[in-house]
Amino acid sequence: MTGESRLLWRDINADVEHQWNKRWKTGFLVSVQEWSPSHGMQDVTYASNIFVLDNTYKFNKKTALRAEVQYLYSTDYERDWVAALVELSLAPRWSFAVSDMWNHGTTDKHYYNASVSYTQHGTRLQLSYGRNRAGFVCSGGVCRYQPAYTGVNLTLTTSF
């Protein structure tokens, strides 16, 4: 190494939320990201611009419907992506969701998913079916690598 500093990751965000009334809340996020596929070993970086619109509508204290759409624009790597999610929460136990993530930049693949989860105390059980792409899945600051697969997934998470 020559002692040069090379970019590893840059992430600039703007996030705005608005509470329309007691039941309806909207959030909008813009994220400009640049990252090094060589982990900073070379001067090559990939750039992307991400736009997220999130809406939550509470029918009552226990029932809420959330809808989210995302768009990722990039001229690098796998290029452009569109994602959508609809989730129904029946607090404090049940959650149902359907989603689709579509790469219309290079592969034209859809990554669809449907799931149901049940939570009690510090334990959550989730059953899902769909196509998942390989990569890191992060939740609550904990990340794990997940291989690509199409099929059923059963996840048990507990906190103690």
Protein backbone atom coordinates (compact mmCIF):
# COMPACT_ATOMS: atom_id res chain seq x y z
CA MET A 1 0.00 0.00 0.00
CA THR A 2 1.26 3.47 -0.83
CA GLY A 3 -0.45 5.16 2.13
CA GLU A 4 -3.14 6.62 -0.16
CA SER A 5 -6.63 6.93 1.18
CA ARG A 6 -9.28 5.26 -0.98
CA LEU A 7 -13.03 5.41 -0.63
CA LEU A 8 -14.62 2.36 1.00
CA TRP A 9 -18.18 3.62 1.53
CA ARG A 10 -20.06 6.93 1.29
CA ASP A 11 -23.73 7.30 2.23
CA ILE A 12 -25.54 10.66 2.20
CA ASN A 13 -29.19 10.62 3.27
CA ALA A 14 -32.15 12.94 3.62
CA ASP A 15 -35.25 11.65 5.40
CA VAL A 16 -38.53 13.53 5.82
CA GLU A 17 -41.59 12.30 7.70
CA HIS A 18 -45.04 13.87 7.88
CA GLN A 19 -47.94 12.92 10.17
CA TRP A 20 -51.05 13.81 8.13
CA ASN A 21 -53.42 12.98 10.97
CA LYS A 22 -53.64 10.50 13.89
CA ARG A 23 -53.97 7.57 11.49
CA TRP A 24 -51.77 8.34 8.47
CA LYS A 25 -48.00 8.90 8.34
CA THR A 26 -45.74 9.26 5.28
CA GLY A 27 -41.97 9.07 5.04
CA PHE A 28 -39.68 9.92 2.12
CA LEU A 29 -35.99 9.02 1.94
CA VAL A 30 -33.30 9.91 -0.57
CA SER A 31 -29.95 8.13 -0.27
CA VAL A 32 -26.88 8.72 -2.42
CA GLN A 33 -24.40 5.89 -1.98
CA GLU A 34 -20.96 5.11 -3.35
CA TRP A 35 -19.03 1.97 -2.44
CA SER A 36 -15.90 0.10 -3.41
CA PRO A 37 -16.37 -3.47 -4.73
CA SER A 38 -12.70 -4.11 -3.91
CA HIS A 39 -13.16 -2.94 -0.29
CA GLY A 40 -10.94 0.10 -0.89
CA MET A 41 -8.06 -1.82 -2.49
CA GLN A 42 -8.61 -0.14 -5.89
CA ASP A 43 -9.96 3.24 -7.02
CA VAL A 44 -13.08 1.71 -8.62
CA THR A 45 -16.42 2.61 -6.99
CA TYR A 46 -20.11 1.97 -7.74
CA ALA A 47 -22.68 4.74 -7.25
CA SER A 48 -26.43 4.52 -6.71
CA ASN A 49 -29.31 6.85 -5.90
CA ILE A 50 -32.16 5.40 -3.83
CA PHE A 51 -35.65 6.84 -3.34
CA VAL A 52 -38.10 5.38 -0.78
CA LEU A 53 -41.73 6.34 -0.13
CA ASP A 54 -43.34 4.76 2.93
CA ASN A 55 -46.98 5.12 4.07
CA THR A 56 -48.56 3.74 7.23
CA TYR A 57 -52.28 3.88 7.95
CA LYS A 58 -53.58 2.86 11.39
CA PHE A 59 -57.15 1.58 11.35
CA ASN A 60 -57.17 1.35 15.15
CA LYS A 61 -54.68 0.76 18.00
CA LYS A 62 -53.97 -2.82 16.88
CA THR A 63 -54.38 -2.84 13.08
CA ALA A 64 -52.10 -1.02 10.63
CA LEU A 65 -51.40 -1.23 6.91
CA ARG A 66 -48.00 -0.19 5.57
CA ALA A 67 -47.07 0.24 1.92
CA GLU A 68 -43.57 1.01 0.69
CA VAL A 69 -42.11 1.62 -2.78
CA GLN A 70 -38.41 1.96 -3.57
CA TYR A 71 -36.44 2.86 -6.66
CA LEU A 72 -32.69 2.40 -7.04
CA TYR A 73 -31.03 4.15 -9.97
CA SER A 74 -27.49 3.17 -10.95
CA THR A 75 -25.38 2.92 -14.08
CA ASP A 76 -23.10 0.40 -12.33
CA TYR A 77 -23.24 -3.26 -11.32
CA GLU A 78 -26.82 -4.59 -11.76
CA ARG A 79 -28.25 -1.14 -12.55
CA ASP A 80 -31.86 -0.20 -11.77
CA TRP A 81 -34.20 -1.84 -9.23
CA VAL A 82 -37.83 -1.32 -8.18
CA ALA A 83 -39.30 -2.75 -4.97
CA ALA A 84 -42.74 -2.72 -3.37
CA LEU A 85 -44.06 -4.05 -0.07
CA VAL A 86 -47.51 -4.24 1.54
CA GLU A 87 -47.71 -5.29 5.20
CA LEU A 88 -50.70 -5.78 7.49
CA SER A 89 -49.94 -5.75 11.23
CA LEU A 90 -52.33 -7.09 13.84
CA ALA A 91 -50.53 -5.97 17.01
CA PRO A 92 -49.07 -7.28 19.10
CA ARG A 93 -48.80 -10.78 17.61
CA TRP A 94 -49.41 -11.15 13.85
CA SER A 95 -47.95 -9.66 10.69
CA PHE A 96 -48.65 -10.51 7.02
CA ALA A 97 -46.60 -9.19 4.09
CA VAL A 98 -46.16 -9.49 0.33
CA SER A 99 -43.32 -7.93 -1.62
CA ASP A 100 -41.56 -7.90 -4.96
CA MET A 101 -38.11 -6.63 -5.86
CA TRP A 102 -37.47 -6.37 -9.61
CA ASN A 103 -34.15 -5.81 -11.33
CA HIS A 104 -35.12 -4.12 -14.59
CA GLY A 105 -31.55 -2.96 -15.15
CA THR A 106 -29.76 -6.13 -16.29
CA THR A 107 -31.32 -9.43 -15.17
CA ASP A 108 -35.08 -8.69 -15.45
CA LYS A 109 -35.60 -11.01 -12.43
CA HIS A 110 -38.38 -10.66 -9.86
CA TYR A 111 -37.68 -11.51 -6.23
CA TYR A 112 -41.20 -12.06 -4.87
CA ASN A 113 -42.00 -12.98 -1.28
CA ALA A 114 -45.01 -13.63 0.97
CA SER A 115 -44.71 -14.06 4.72
CA VAL A 116 -46.61 -14.44 7.96
CA SER A 117 -45.10 -13.97 11.41
CA TYR A 118 -46.20 -14.50 14.99
CA THR A 119 -44.55 -12.82 17.98
CA GLN A 120 -44.91 -13.61 21.66
CA HIS A 121 -42.75 -12.00 24.34
CA GLY A 122 -39.18 -12.06 22.96
CA THR A 123 -39.78 -14.78 20.38
CA ARG A 124 -40.76 -14.38 16.73
CA LEU A 125 -41.65 -17.17 14.31
CA GLN A 126 -41.83 -16.32 10.59
CA LEU A 127 -42.87 -18.49 7.65
CA SER A 128 -42.18 -17.15 4.17
CA TYR A 129 -42.13 -18.30 0.57
CA GLY A 130 -40.39 -16.64 -2.35
CA ARG A 131 -37.26 -16.04 -4.33
CA ASN A 132 -34.36 -14.53 -2.42
CA ARG A 133 -31.12 -13.17 -3.79
CA ALA A 134 -27.78 -13.84 -2.20
CA GLY A 135 -26.44 -11.21 0.16
CA PHE A 136 -26.35 -9.92 3.70
CA VAL A 137 -29.57 -9.64 5.68
CA CYS A 138 -29.35 -7.17 8.57
CA SER A 139 -31.80 -6.69 11.42
CA GLY A 140 -31.25 -4.84 14.66
CA GLY A 141 -27.56 -4.34 13.94
CA VAL A 142 -26.90 -8.04 13.37
CA CYS A 143 -26.01 -9.14 9.83
CA ARG A 144 -25.81 -12.61 8.33
CA TYR A 145 -25.05 -13.88 4.85
CA GLN A 146 -27.94 -15.58 3.06
CA PRO A 147 -27.43 -17.66 -0.10
CA ALA A 148 -29.81 -17.32 -3.05
CA TYR A 149 -32.79 -19.65 -3.00
CA THR A 150 -36.41 -20.09 -4.08
CA GLY A 151 -38.69 -21.85 -1.65
CA VAL A 152 -39.97 -21.90 1.90
CA ASN A 153 -38.12 -20.34 4.82
CA LEU A 154 -38.91 -20.81 8.51
CA THR A 155 -37.17 -18.43 10.90
CA LEU A 156 -37.20 -18.50 14.69
CA THR A 157 -35.75 -15.47 16.48
CA THR A 158 -35.62 -15.07 20.24
CA SER A 159 -34.28 -12.49 22.68
CA PHE A 160 -33.41 -13.26 26.27
